[in-house]
Amino acid sequence: VIRRTEKISDGCKLIALSDKTGDFGPGKMLLLNAADKPIGGIVG
């Protein structure tokens, strides 16, 4: 739940993902770009 402001009543963006171990389990990272510009890099 990504809120526009501190108050949820001001609106939000929802992102739904699979929560199964094979999709997003131990040892994995979810990187979410909430910045105003594209992000890239190398992680592990």
Full PDB file with SEQRES, HELIX, SHEET, SSBOND, CRYST1, ORIGX, SCALE, CONECT and MASTER records, all heavy atoms in Angstrom:
SEQRES   1 A   44  VAL ILE ARG ARG THR GLU LYS ILE SER ASP GLY CYS LYS          
SEQRES   2 A   44  LEU ILE ALA LEU SER ASP LYS THR GLY ASP PHE GLY PRO          
SEQRES   3 A   44  GLY LYS MET LEU LEU LEU ASN ALA ALA ASP LYS PRO ILE          
SEQRES   4 A   44  GLY GLY ILE VAL GLY                                          
HELIX    1 AA1 ILE A    8  ASP A   10  5                                   3    
HELIX    2 AA2 THR A   21  PHE A   24  1                                   4    
SHEET    1 AA1 2 ILE A   2  ARG A   3  0                                        
SHEET    2 AA1 2 CYS A  12  LYS A  13 -1                                        
CRYST1    1.000    1.000    1.000  90.00  90.00  90.00 P 1           1          
ORIGX1      1.000000  0.000000  0.000000        0.00000                         
ORIGX2      0.000000  1.000000  0.000000        0.00000                         
ORIGX3      0.000000  0.000000  1.000000        0.00000                         
SCALE1      1.000000  0.000000  0.000000        0.00000                         
SCALE2      0.000000  1.000000  0.000000        0.00000                         
SCALE3      0.000000  0.000000  1.000000        0.00000                         
ATOM      1  N   VAL A   1       0.854  -1.182   0.000  1.00  0.00           N  
ATOM      2  CA  VAL A   1       0.000   0.000   0.000  1.00  0.00           C  
ATOM      3  C   VAL A   1       0.895   1.238   0.000  1.00  0.00           C  
ATOM      4  O   VAL A   1       1.529   1.555   1.006  1.00  0.00           O  
ATOM      5  CB  VAL A   1      -0.924   0.009   1.235  1.00  0.00           C  
ATOM      6  CG1 VAL A   1      -1.848   1.224   1.210  1.00  0.00           C  
ATOM      7  CG2 VAL A   1      -1.736  -1.280   1.310  1.00  0.00           C  
ATOM      8  N   ILE A   2       0.970   1.924  -1.134  1.00  0.00           N  
ATOM      9  CA  ILE A   2       1.793   3.128  -1.240  1.00  0.00           C  
ATOM     10  C   ILE A   2       0.881   4.346  -1.128  1.00  0.00           C  
ATOM     11  O   ILE A   2       0.107   4.650  -2.045  1.00  0.00           O  
ATOM     12  CB  ILE A   2       2.576   3.147  -2.562  1.00  0.00           C  
ATOM     13  CG1 ILE A   2       3.418   1.871  -2.695  1.00  0.00           C  
ATOM     14  CG2 ILE A   2       3.471   4.375  -2.642  1.00  0.00           C  
ATOM     15  CD1 ILE A   2       4.154   1.758  -4.001  1.00  0.00           C  
ATOM     16  N   ARG A   3       0.964   5.037  -0.003  1.00  0.00           N  
ATOM     17  CA  ARG A   3       0.089   6.174   0.262  1.00  0.00           C  
ATOM     18  C   ARG A   3       0.624   7.436  -0.411  1.00  0.00           C  
ATOM     19  O   ARG A   3       1.818   7.653  -0.480  1.00  0.00           O  
ATOM     20  CB  ARG A   3      -0.048   6.405   1.779  1.00  0.00           C  
ATOM     21  CG  ARG A   3      -0.430   5.132   2.514  1.00  0.00           C  
ATOM     22  CD  ARG A   3      -0.609   5.314   4.010  1.00  0.00           C  
ATOM     23  NE  ARG A   3       0.335   6.206   4.647  1.00  0.00           N  
ATOM     24  CZ  ARG A   3       1.572   5.861   5.026  1.00  0.00           C  
ATOM     25  NH1 ARG A   3       2.018   4.634   4.819  1.00  0.00           N  
ATOM     26  NH2 ARG A   3       2.363   6.736   5.625  1.00  0.00           N  
ATOM     27  N   ARG A   4      -0.281   8.287  -0.851  1.00  0.00           N  
ATOM     28  CA  ARG A   4       0.122   9.564  -1.446  1.00  0.00           C  
ATOM     29  C   ARG A   4       0.634  10.519  -0.376  1.00  0.00           C  
ATOM     30  O   ARG A   4       1.562  11.301  -0.616  1.00  0.00           O  
ATOM     31  CB  ARG A   4      -1.056  10.192  -2.186  1.00  0.00           C  
ATOM     32  CG  ARG A   4      -1.487   9.423  -3.427  1.00  0.00           C  
ATOM     33  CD  ARG A   4      -2.689  10.077  -4.076  1.00  0.00           C  
ATOM     34  NE  ARG A   4      -3.153   9.306  -5.219  1.00  0.00           N  
ATOM     35  CZ  ARG A   4      -4.296   9.538  -5.859  1.00  0.00           C  
ATOM     36  NH1 ARG A   4      -5.085  10.532  -5.465  1.00  0.00           N  
ATOM     37  NH2 ARG A   4      -4.652   8.791  -6.885  1.00  0.00           N  
ATOM     38  N   THR A   5       0.015  10.489   0.791  1.00  0.00           N  
ATOM     39  CA  THR A   5       0.418  11.324   1.920  1.00  0.00           C  
ATOM     40  C   THR A   5       0.410  10.455   3.171  1.00  0.00           C  
ATOM     41  O   THR A   5       0.245   9.235   3.092  1.00  0.00           O  
ATOM     42  CB  THR A   5      -0.535  12.518   2.110  1.00  0.00           C  
ATOM     43  OG1 THR A   5      -1.818  12.033   2.546  1.00  0.00           O  
ATOM     44  CG2 THR A   5      -0.718  13.298   0.811  1.00  0.00           C  
ATOM     45  N   GLU A   6       0.537  11.080   4.322  1.00  0.00           N  
ATOM     46  CA  GLU A   6       0.461  10.332   5.574  1.00  0.00           C  
ATOM     47  C   GLU A   6      -0.908   9.693   5.757  1.00  0.00           C  
ATOM     48  O   GLU A   6      -1.037   8.617   6.341  1.00  0.00           O  
ATOM     49  CB  GLU A   6       0.774  11.249   6.762  1.00  0.00           C  
ATOM     50  CG  GLU A   6       2.232  11.660   6.850  1.00  0.00           C  
ATOM     51  CD  GLU A   6       3.151  10.462   7.056  1.00  0.00           C  
ATOM     52  OE1 GLU A   6       2.827   9.606   7.909  1.00  0.00           O  
ATOM     53  OE2 GLU A   6       4.175  10.372   6.350  1.00  0.00           O  
ATOM     54  N   LYS A   7      -1.955  10.360   5.246  1.00  0.00           N  
ATOM     55  CA  LYS A   7      -3.324   9.886   5.440  1.00  0.00           C  
ATOM     56  C   LYS A   7      -3.740   8.977   4.293  1.00  0.00           C  
ATOM     57  O   LYS A   7      -3.649   9.354   3.122  1.00  0.00           O  
ATOM     58  CB  LYS A   7      -4.292  11.060   5.559  1.00  0.00           C  
ATOM     59  CG  LYS A   7      -4.035  11.966   6.744  1.00  0.00           C  
ATOM     60  CD  LYS A   7      -5.135  12.995   6.910  1.00  0.00           C  
ATOM     61  CE  LYS A   7      -5.194  13.937   5.724  1.00  0.00           C  
ATOM     62  NZ  LYS A   7      -6.230  14.978   5.907  1.00  0.00           N  
ATOM     63  N   ILE A   8      -4.232   7.788   4.636  1.00  0.00           N  
ATOM     64  CA  ILE A   8      -4.682   6.847   3.625  1.00  0.00           C  
ATOM     65  C   ILE A   8      -5.871   7.395   2.847  1.00  0.00           C  
ATOM     66  O   ILE A   8      -6.077   7.086   1.667  1.00  0.00           O  
ATOM     67  CB  ILE A   8      -5.033   5.476   4.276  1.00  0.00           C  
ATOM     68  CG1 ILE A   8      -5.361   4.429   3.210  1.00  0.00           C  
ATOM     69  CG2 ILE A   8      -6.184   5.605   5.246  1.00  0.00           C  
ATOM     70  CD1 ILE A   8      -4.205   4.037   2.355  1.00  0.00           C  
ATOM     71  N   SER A   9      -6.647   8.282   3.472  1.00  0.00           N  
ATOM     72  CA  SER A   9      -7.836   8.841   2.828  1.00  0.00           C  
ATOM     73  C   SER A   9      -7.492   9.751   1.652  1.00  0.00           C  
ATOM     74  O   SER A   9      -8.359  10.074   0.836  1.00  0.00           O  
ATOM     75  CB  SER A   9      -8.685   9.613   3.843  1.00  0.00           C  
ATOM     76  OG  SER A   9      -7.922  10.626   4.464  1.00  0.00           O  
ATOM     77  N   ASP A  10      -6.218  10.178   1.544  1.00  0.00           N  
ATOM     78  CA  ASP A  10      -5.796  10.994   0.405  1.00  0.00           C  
ATOM     79  C   ASP A  10      -5.501  10.152  -0.828  1.00  0.00           C  
ATOM     80  O   ASP A  10      -5.111  10.690  -1.868  1.00  0.00           O  
ATOM     81  CB  ASP A  10      -4.551  11.812   0.774  1.00  0.00           C  
ATOM     82  CG  ASP A  10      -4.873  12.939   1.744  1.00  0.00           C  
ATOM     83  OD1 ASP A  10      -6.030  13.408   1.735  1.00  0.00           O  
ATOM     84  OD2 ASP A  10      -3.978  13.336   2.512  1.00  0.00           O  
ATOM     85  N   GLY A  11      -5.678   8.853  -0.710  1.00  0.00           N  
ATOM     86  CA  GLY A  11      -5.504   7.964  -1.841  1.00  0.00           C  
ATOM     87  C   GLY A  11      -4.221   7.153  -1.755  1.00  0.00           C  
ATOM     88  O   GLY A  11      -3.293   7.501  -1.029  1.00  0.00           O  
ATOM     89  N   CYS A  12      -4.182   6.040  -2.474  1.00  0.00           N  
ATOM     90  CA  CYS A  12      -3.017   5.158  -2.445  1.00  0.00           C  
ATOM     91  C   CYS A  12      -2.959   4.325  -3.717  1.00  0.00           C  
ATOM     92  O   CYS A  12      -3.958   4.167  -4.428  1.00  0.00           O  
ATOM     93  CB  CYS A  12      -3.062   4.242  -1.221  1.00  0.00           C  
ATOM     94  SG  CYS A  12      -4.513   3.157  -1.178  1.00  0.00           S  
ATOM     95  N   LYS A  13      -1.752   3.814  -3.972  1.00  0.00           N  
ATOM     96  CA  LYS A  13      -1.544   2.856  -5.047  1.00  0.00           C  
ATOM     97  C   LYS A  13      -1.317   1.494  -4.420  1.00  0.00           C  
ATOM     98  O   LYS A  13      -0.561   1.378  -3.455  1.00  0.00           O  
ATOM     99  CB  LYS A  13      -0.330   3.253  -5.887  1.00  0.00           C  
ATOM    100  CG  LYS A  13       0.025   2.237  -6.969  1.00  0.00           C  
ATOM    101  CD  LYS A  13       1.286   2.648  -7.722  1.00  0.00           C  
ATOM    102  CE  LYS A  13       1.671   1.612  -8.771  1.00  0.00           C  
ATOM    103  NZ  LYS A  13       2.906   1.995  -9.508  1.00  0.00           N  
ATOM    104  N   LEU A  14      -1.986   0.463  -4.930  1.00  0.00           N  
ATOM    105  CA  LEU A  14      -1.813  -0.892  -4.432  1.00  0.00           C  
ATOM    106  C   LEU A  14      -1.042  -1.732  -5.447  1.00  0.00           C  
ATOM    107  O   LEU A  14      -1.278  -1.629  -6.647  1.00  0.00           O  
ATOM    108  CB  LEU A  14      -3.171  -1.552  -4.159  1.00  0.00           C  
ATOM    109  CG  LEU A  14      -4.137  -0.828  -3.214  1.00  0.00           C  
ATOM    110  CD1 LEU A  14      -5.381  -1.684  -3.005  1.00  0.00           C  
ATOM    111  CD2 LEU A  14      -3.487  -0.497  -1.899  1.00  0.00           C  
ATOM    112  N   ILE A  15      -0.131  -2.546  -4.940  1.00  0.00           N  
ATOM    113  CA  ILE A  15       0.604  -3.504  -5.771  1.00  0.00           C  
ATOM    114  C   ILE A  15       0.391  -4.886  -5.168  1.00  0.00           C  
ATOM    115  O   ILE A  15       0.715  -5.107  -4.005  1.00  0.00           O  
ATOM    116  CB  ILE A  15       2.106  -3.175  -5.815  1.00  0.00           C  
ATOM    117  CG1 ILE A  15       2.336  -1.793  -6.429  1.00  0.00           C  
ATOM    118  CG2 ILE A  15       2.867  -4.239  -6.603  1.00  0.00           C  
ATOM    119  CD1 ILE A  15       3.785  -1.335  -6.367  1.00  0.00           C  
ATOM    120  N   ALA A  16      -0.184  -5.809  -5.924  1.00  0.00           N  
ATOM    121  CA  ALA A  16      -0.446  -7.170  -5.447  1.00  0.00           C  
ATOM    122  C   ALA A  16       0.533  -8.137  -6.098  1.00  0.00           C  
ATOM    123  O   ALA A  16       0.710  -8.133  -7.318  1.00  0.00           O  
ATOM    124  CB  ALA A  16      -1.883  -7.578  -5.759  1.00  0.00           C  
ATOM    125  N   LEU A  17       1.182  -8.966  -5.270  1.00  0.00           N  
ATOM    126  CA  LEU A  17       2.191  -9.917  -5.746  1.00  0.00           C  
ATOM    127  C   LEU A  17       1.931 -11.293  -5.147  1.00  0.00           C  
ATOM    128  O   LEU A  17       1.318 -11.411  -4.079  1.00  0.00           O  
ATOM    129  CB  LEU A  17       3.591  -9.468  -5.333  1.00  0.00           C  
ATOM    130  CG  LEU A  17       4.028  -8.054  -5.707  1.00  0.00           C  
ATOM    131  CD1 LEU A  17       5.270  -7.688  -4.920  1.00  0.00           C  
ATOM    132  CD2 LEU A  17       4.297  -7.968  -7.192  1.00  0.00           C  
ATOM    133  N   SER A  18       2.439 -12.306  -5.796  1.00  0.00           N  
ATOM    134  CA  SER A  18       2.373 -13.651  -5.228  1.00  0.00           C  
ATOM    135  C   SER A  18       3.230 -13.721  -3.970  1.00  0.00           C  
ATOM    136  O   SER A  18       4.365 -13.243  -3.950  1.00  0.00           O  
ATOM    137  CB  SER A  18       2.861 -14.685  -6.237  1.00  0.00           C  
ATOM    138  OG  SER A  18       2.963 -15.965  -5.630  1.00  0.00           O  
ATOM    139  N   ASP A  19       2.675 -14.321  -2.921  1.00  0.00           N  
ATOM    140  CA  ASP A  19       3.377 -14.445  -1.642  1.00  0.00           C  
ATOM    141  C   ASP A  19       3.881 -15.868  -1.423  1.00  0.00           C  
ATOM    142  O   ASP A  19       4.258 -16.235  -0.319  1.00  0.00           O  
ATOM    143  CB  ASP A  19       2.441 -14.037  -0.500  1.00  0.00           C  
ATOM    144  CG  ASP A  19       3.188 -13.686   0.776  1.00  0.00           C  
ATOM    145  OD1 ASP A  19       4.367 -13.312   0.688  1.00  0.00           O  
ATOM    146  OD2 ASP A  19       2.589 -13.790   1.868  1.00  0.00           O  
ATOM    147  N   LYS A  20       3.877 -16.674  -2.478  1.00  0.00           N  
ATOM    148  CA  LYS A  20       4.350 -18.049  -2.357  1.00  0.00           C  
ATOM    149  C   LYS A  20       5.868 -18.072  -2.267  1.00  0.00           C  
ATOM    150  O   LYS A  20       6.559 -17.229  -2.856  1.00  0.00           O  
ATOM    151  CB  LYS A  20       3.860 -18.877  -3.537  1.00  0.00           C  
ATOM    152  CG  LYS A  20       2.339 -19.030  -3.600  1.00  0.00           C  
ATOM    153  CD  LYS A  20       1.900 -19.763  -4.845  1.00  0.00           C  
ATOM    154  CE  LYS A  20       2.326 -21.207  -4.836  1.00  0.00           C  
ATOM    155  NZ  LYS A  20       1.791 -21.955  -5.992  1.00  0.00           N  
ATOM    156  N   THR A  21       6.391 -19.048  -1.543  1.00  0.00           N  
ATOM    157  CA  THR A  21       7.831 -19.140  -1.306  1.00  0.00           C  
ATOM    158  C   THR A  21       8.624 -19.166  -2.606  1.00  0.00           C  
ATOM    159  O   THR A  21       9.683 -18.529  -2.725  1.00  0.00           O  
ATOM    160  CB  THR A  21       8.146 -20.391  -0.474  1.00  0.00           C  
ATOM    161  OG1 THR A  21       7.506 -20.273   0.794  1.00  0.00           O  
ATOM    162  CG2 THR A  21       9.644 -20.552  -0.270  1.00  0.00           C  
ATOM    163  N   GLY A  22       8.142 -19.864  -3.613  1.00  0.00           N  
ATOM    164  CA  GLY A  22       8.866 -19.949  -4.870  1.00  0.00           C  
ATOM    165  C   GLY A  22       8.948 -18.634  -5.616  1.00  0.00           C  
ATOM    166  O   GLY A  22       9.839 -18.428  -6.439  1.00  0.00           O  
ATOM    167  N   ASP A  23       8.006 -17.723  -5.351  1.00  0.00           N  
ATOM    168  CA  ASP A  23       7.979 -16.438  -6.048  1.00  0.00           C  
ATOM    169  C   ASP A  23       8.689 -15.340  -5.269  1.00  0.00           C  
ATOM    170  O   ASP A  23       9.408 -14.524  -5.838  1.00  0.00           O  
ATOM    171  CB  ASP A  23       6.524 -16.027  -6.321  1.00  0.00           C  
ATOM    172  CG  ASP A  23       5.823 -17.004  -7.242  1.00  0.00           C  
ATOM    173  OD1 ASP A  23       6.468 -17.472  -8.197  1.00  0.00           O  
ATOM    174  OD2 ASP A  23       4.645 -17.306  -6.999  1.00  0.00           O  
ATOM    175  N   PHE A  24       8.450 -15.275  -3.957  1.00  0.00           N  
ATOM    176  CA  PHE A  24       9.080 -14.242  -3.132  1.00  0.00           C  
ATOM    177  C   PHE A  24       9.352 -14.841  -1.756  1.00  0.00           C  
ATOM    178  O   PHE A  24       8.648 -14.591  -0.793  1.00  0.00           O  
ATOM    179  CB  PHE A  24       8.174 -13.018  -3.031  1.00  0.00           C  
ATOM    180  CG  PHE A  24       8.759 -11.871  -2.235  1.00  0.00           C  
ATOM    181  CD1 PHE A  24      10.126 -11.620  -2.237  1.00  0.00           C  
ATOM    182  CD2 PHE A  24       7.941 -11.042  -1.493  1.00  0.00           C  
ATOM    183  CE1 PHE A  24      10.663 -10.586  -1.502  1.00  0.00           C  
ATOM    184  CE2 PHE A  24       8.468  -9.987  -0.762  1.00  0.00           C  
ATOM    185  CZ  PHE A  24       9.827  -9.757  -0.770  1.00  0.00           C  
ATOM    186  N   GLY A  25      10.390 -15.677  -1.710  1.00  0.00           N  
ATOM    187  CA  GLY A  25      10.689 -16.410  -0.489  1.00  0.00           C  
ATOM    188  C   GLY A  25      11.983 -15.977   0.150  1.00  0.00           C  
ATOM    189  O   GLY A  25      12.574 -14.949  -0.211  1.00  0.00           O  
ATOM    190  N   PRO A  26      12.477 -16.748   1.127  1.00  0.00           N  
ATOM    191  CA  PRO A  26      13.725 -16.425   1.824  1.00  0.00           C  
ATOM    192  C   PRO A  26      14.892 -16.256   0.859  1.00  0.00           C  
ATOM    193  O   PRO A  26      15.005 -16.980  -0.138  1.00  0.00           O  
ATOM    194  CB  PRO A  26      13.929 -17.629   2.746  1.00  0.00           C  
ATOM    195  CG  PRO A  26      12.563 -18.189   2.949  1.00  0.00           C  
ATOM    196  CD  PRO A  26      11.843 -17.972   1.656  1.00  0.00           C  
ATOM    197  N   GLY A  27      15.754 -15.287   1.174  1.00  0.00           N  
ATOM    198  CA  GLY A  27      16.914 -15.019   0.344  1.00  0.00           C  
ATOM    199  C   GLY A  27      16.652 -14.061  -0.801  1.00  0.00           C  
ATOM    200  O   GLY A  27      17.582 -13.675  -1.515  1.00  0.00           O  
ATOM    201  N   LYS A  28      15.398 -13.639  -0.985  1.00  0.00           N  
ATOM    202  CA  LYS A  28      15.052 -12.748  -2.087  1.00  0.00           C  
ATOM    203  C   LYS A  28      14.793 -11.325  -1.589  1.00  0.00           C  
ATOM    204  O   LYS A  28      14.467 -11.106  -0.428  1.00  0.00           O  
ATOM    205  CB  LYS A  28      13.835 -13.271  -2.852  1.00  0.00           C  
ATOM    206  CG  LYS A  28      14.099 -14.594  -3.563  1.00  0.00           C  
ATOM    207  CD  LYS A  28      12.912 -15.027  -4.400  1.00  0.00           C  
ATOM    208  CE  LYS A  28      13.223 -16.326  -5.136  1.00  0.00           C  
ATOM    209  NZ  LYS A  28      12.097 -16.770  -6.000  1.00  0.00           N  
ATOM    210  N   MET A  29      14.946 -10.372  -2.505  1.00  0.00           N  
ATOM    211  CA  MET A  29      14.703  -8.963  -2.223  1.00  0.00           C  
ATOM    212  C   MET A  29      13.701  -8.416  -3.231  1.00  0.00           C  
ATOM    213  O   MET A  29      13.766  -8.737  -4.421  1.00  0.00           O  
ATOM    214  CB  MET A  29      15.982  -8.137  -2.340  1.00  0.00           C  
ATOM    215  CG  MET A  29      17.050  -8.420  -1.334  1.00  0.00           C  
ATOM    216  SD  MET A  29      18.465  -7.300  -1.631  1.00  0.00           S  
ATOM    217  CE  MET A  29      17.708  -5.693  -1.361  1.00  0.00           C  
ATOM    218  N   LEU A  30      12.797  -7.593  -2.725  1.00  0.00           N  
ATOM    219  CA  LEU A  30      11.910  -6.841  -3.603  1.00  0.00           C  
ATOM    220  C   LEU A  30      12.377  -5.395  -3.567  1.00  0.00           C  
ATOM    221  O   LEU A  30      12.375  -4.760  -2.508  1.00  0.00           O  
ATOM    222  CB  LEU A  30      10.454  -6.952  -3.156  1.00  0.00           C  
ATOM    223  CG  LEU A  30       9.405  -6.384  -4.120  1.00  0.00           C  
ATOM    224  CD1 LEU A  30       8.071  -7.090  -3.914  1.00  0.00           C  
ATOM    225  CD2 LEU A  30       9.205  -4.885  -3.969  1.00  0.00           C  
ATOM    226  N   LEU A  31      12.817  -4.877  -4.708  1.00  0.00           N  
ATOM    227  CA  LEU A  31      13.221  -3.475  -4.822  1.00  0.00           C  
ATOM    228  C   LEU A  31      12.077  -2.706  -5.460  1.00  0.00           C  
ATOM    229  O   LEU A  31      11.643  -3.038  -6.574  1.00  0.00           O  
ATOM    230  CB  LEU A  31      14.475  -3.349  -5.689  1.00  0.00           C  
ATOM    231  CG  LEU A  31      15.753  -4.000  -5.149  1.00  0.00           C  
ATOM    232  CD1 LEU A  31      16.845  -3.965  -6.206  1.00  0.00           C  
ATOM    233  CD2 LEU A  31      16.216  -3.281  -3.890  1.00  0.00           C  
ATOM    234  N   LEU A  32      11.566  -1.704  -4.755  1.00  0.00           N  
ATOM    235  CA  LEU A  32      10.465  -0.907  -5.270  1.00  0.00           C  
ATOM    236  C   LEU A  32      10.936   0.538  -5.427  1.00  0.00           C  
ATOM    237  O   LEU A  32      11.386   1.157  -4.465  1.00  0.00           O  
ATOM    238  CB  LEU A  32       9.255  -0.969  -4.338  1.00  0.00           C  
ATOM    239  CG  LEU A  32       7.944  -0.448  -4.935  1.00  0.00           C  
ATOM    240  CD1 LEU A  32       6.752  -1.157  -4.304  1.00  0.00           C  
ATOM    241  CD2 LEU A  32       7.792   1.054  -4.773  1.00  0.00           C  
ATOM    242  N   ASN A  33      10.843   1.049  -6.628  1.00  0.00           N  
ATOM    243  CA  ASN A  33      11.309   2.392  -6.922  1.00  0.00           C  
ATOM    244  C   ASN A  33      10.193   3.402  -6.670  1.00  0.00           C  
ATOM    245  O   ASN A  33       9.331   3.627  -7.524  1.00  0.00           O  
ATOM    246  CB  ASN A  33      11.802   2.487  -8.370  1.00  0.00           C  
ATOM    247  CG  ASN A  33      12.376   3.848  -8.689  1.00  0.00           C  
ATOM    248  OD1 ASN A  33      12.525   4.694  -7.816  1.00  0.00           O  
ATOM    249  ND2 ASN A  33      12.711   4.059  -9.956  1.00  0.00           N  
ATOM    250  N   ALA A  34      10.213   4.011  -5.482  1.00  0.00           N  
ATOM    251  CA  ALA A  34       9.248   5.051  -5.148  1.00  0.00           C  
ATOM    252  C   ALA A  34       9.825   6.440  -5.385  1.00  0.00           C  
ATOM    253  O   ALA A  34       9.238   7.441  -4.972  1.00  0.00           O  
ATOM    254  CB  ALA A  34       8.823   4.908  -3.683  1.00  0.00           C  
ATOM    255  N   ALA A  35      10.981   6.506  -6.050  1.00  0.00           N  
ATOM    256  CA  ALA A  35      11.608   7.787  -6.373  1.00  0.00           C  
ATOM    257  C   ALA A  35      11.010   8.347  -7.660  1.00  0.00           C  
ATOM    258  O   ALA A  35      10.208   7.705  -8.337  1.00  0.00           O  
ATOM    259  CB  ALA A  35      13.122   7.605  -6.512  1.00  0.00           C  
ATOM    260  N   ASP A  36      11.443   9.566  -7.997  1.00  0.00           N  
ATOM    261  CA  ASP A  36      10.873  10.238  -9.170  1.00  0.00           C  
ATOM    262  C   ASP A  36      11.712  10.044 -10.427  1.00  0.00           C  
ATOM    263  O   ASP A  36      11.536  10.760 -11.408  1.00  0.00           O  
ATOM    264  CB  ASP A  36      10.706  11.732  -8.881  1.00  0.00           C  
ATOM    265  CG  ASP A  36      12.027  12.412  -8.510  1.00  0.00           C  
ATOM    266  OD1 ASP A  36      13.076  11.733  -8.563  1.00  0.00           O  
ATOM    267  OD2 ASP A  36      11.992  13.603  -8.159  1.00  0.00           O  
ATOM    268  N   LYS A  37      12.631   9.089 -10.414  1.00  0.00           N  
ATOM    269  CA  LYS A  37      13.505   8.852 -11.562  1.00  0.00           C  
ATOM    270  C   LYS A  37      13.832   7.371 -11.678  1.00  0.00           C  
ATOM    271  O   LYS A  37      13.730   6.623 -10.692  1.00  0.00           O  
ATOM    272  CB  LYS A  37      14.796   9.660 -11.425  1.00  0.00           C  
ATOM    273  CG  LYS A  37      15.513   9.443 -10.095  1.00  0.00           C  
ATOM    274  CD  LYS A  37      16.789  10.248 -10.001  1.00  0.00           C  
ATOM    275  CE  LYS A  37      16.535  11.730  -9.907  1.00  0.00           C  
ATOM    276  NZ  LYS A  37      15.928  12.163  -8.641  1.00  0.00           N  
ATOM    277  N   PRO A  38      14.208   6.887 -12.874  1.00  0.00           N  
ATOM    278  CA  PRO A  38      14.587   5.483 -13.039  1.00  0.00           C  
ATOM    279  C   PRO A  38      15.830   5.143 -12.211  1.00  0.00           C  
ATOM    280  O   PRO A  38      16.708   5.982 -12.029  1.00  0.00           O  
ATOM    281  CB  PRO A  38      14.877   5.365 -14.537  1.00  0.00           C  
ATOM    282  CG  PRO A  38      14.192   6.532 -15.169  1.00  0.00           C  
ATOM    283  CD  PRO A  38      14.230   7.624 -14.159  1.00  0.00           C  
ATOM    284  N   ILE A  39      15.879   3.899 -11.723  1.00  0.00           N  
ATOM    285  CA  ILE A  39      16.989   3.414 -10.919  1.00  0.00           C  
ATOM    286  C   ILE A  39      17.518   2.131 -11.552  1.00  0.00           C  
ATOM    287  O   ILE A  39      16.749   1.291 -12.023  1.00  0.00           O  
ATOM    288  CB  ILE A  39      16.544   3.118  -9.470  1.00  0.00           C  
ATOM    289  CG1 ILE A  39      15.968   4.377  -8.812  1.00  0.00           C  
ATOM    290  CG2 ILE A  39      17.704   2.561  -8.651  1.00  0.00           C  
ATOM    291  CD1 ILE A  39      16.953   5.510  -8.637  1.00  0.00           C  
ATOM    292  N   GLY A  40      18.834   1.975 -11.546  1.00  0.00           N  
ATOM    293  CA  GLY A  40      19.441   0.746 -12.042  1.00  0.00           C  
ATOM    294  C   GLY A  40      20.631   0.377 -11.185  1.00  0.00           C  
ATOM    295  O   GLY A  40      21.073   1.159 -10.339  1.00  0.00           O  
ATOM    296  N   GLY A  41      21.142  -0.821 -11.387  1.00  0.00           N  
ATOM    297  CA  GLY A  41      22.308  -1.207 -10.621  1.00  0.00           C  
ATOM    298  C   GLY A  41      22.587  -2.687 -10.657  1.00  0.00           C  
ATOM    299  O   GLY A  41      22.006  -3.436 -11.458  1.00  0.00           O  
ATOM    300  N   ILE A  42      23.489  -3.107  -9.768  1.00  0.00           N  
ATOM    301  CA  ILE A  42      23.850  -4.513  -9.610  1.00  0.00           C  
ATOM    302  C   ILE A  42      23.781  -4.839  -8.126  1.00  0.00           C  
ATOM    303  O   ILE A  42      24.411  -4.174  -7.305  1.00  0.00           O  
ATOM    304  CB  ILE A  42      25.268  -4.796 -10.137  1.00  0.00           C  
ATOM    305  CG1 ILE A  42      25.391  -4.391 -11.612  1.00  0.00           C  
ATOM    306  CG2 ILE A  42      25.616  -6.267  -9.978  1.00  0.00           C  
ATOM    307  CD1 ILE A  42      26.788  -4.528 -12.165  1.00  0.00           C  
ATOM    308  N   VAL A  43      22.995  -5.835  -7.764  1.00  0.00           N  
ATOM    309  CA  VAL A  43      22.848  -6.262  -6.373  1.00  0.00           C  
ATOM    310  C   VAL A  43      23.135  -7.753  -6.303  1.00  0.00           C  
ATOM    311  O   VAL A  43      22.410  -8.564  -6.888  1.00  0.00           O  
ATOM    312  CB  VAL A  43      21.437  -5.971  -5.829  1.00  0.00           C  
ATOM    313  CG1 VAL A  43      21.261  -6.559  -4.439  1.00  0.00           C  
ATOM    314  CG2 VAL A  43      21.189  -4.464  -5.785  1.00  0.00           C  
ATOM    315  N   GLY A  44      24.219  -8.097  -5.622  1.00  0.00           N  
ATOM    316  CA  GLY A  44      24.580  -9.506  -5.507  1.00  0.00           C  
ATOM    317  C   GLY A  44      24.776 -10.176  -6.843  1.00  0.00           C  
ATOM    318  O   GLY A  44      24.374 -11.332  -7.044  1.00  0.00           O  
TER     319      GLY A  44                                                      
MASTER        0    0    0    2    2    0    0    6  318    1    0    4          
END                                                                             
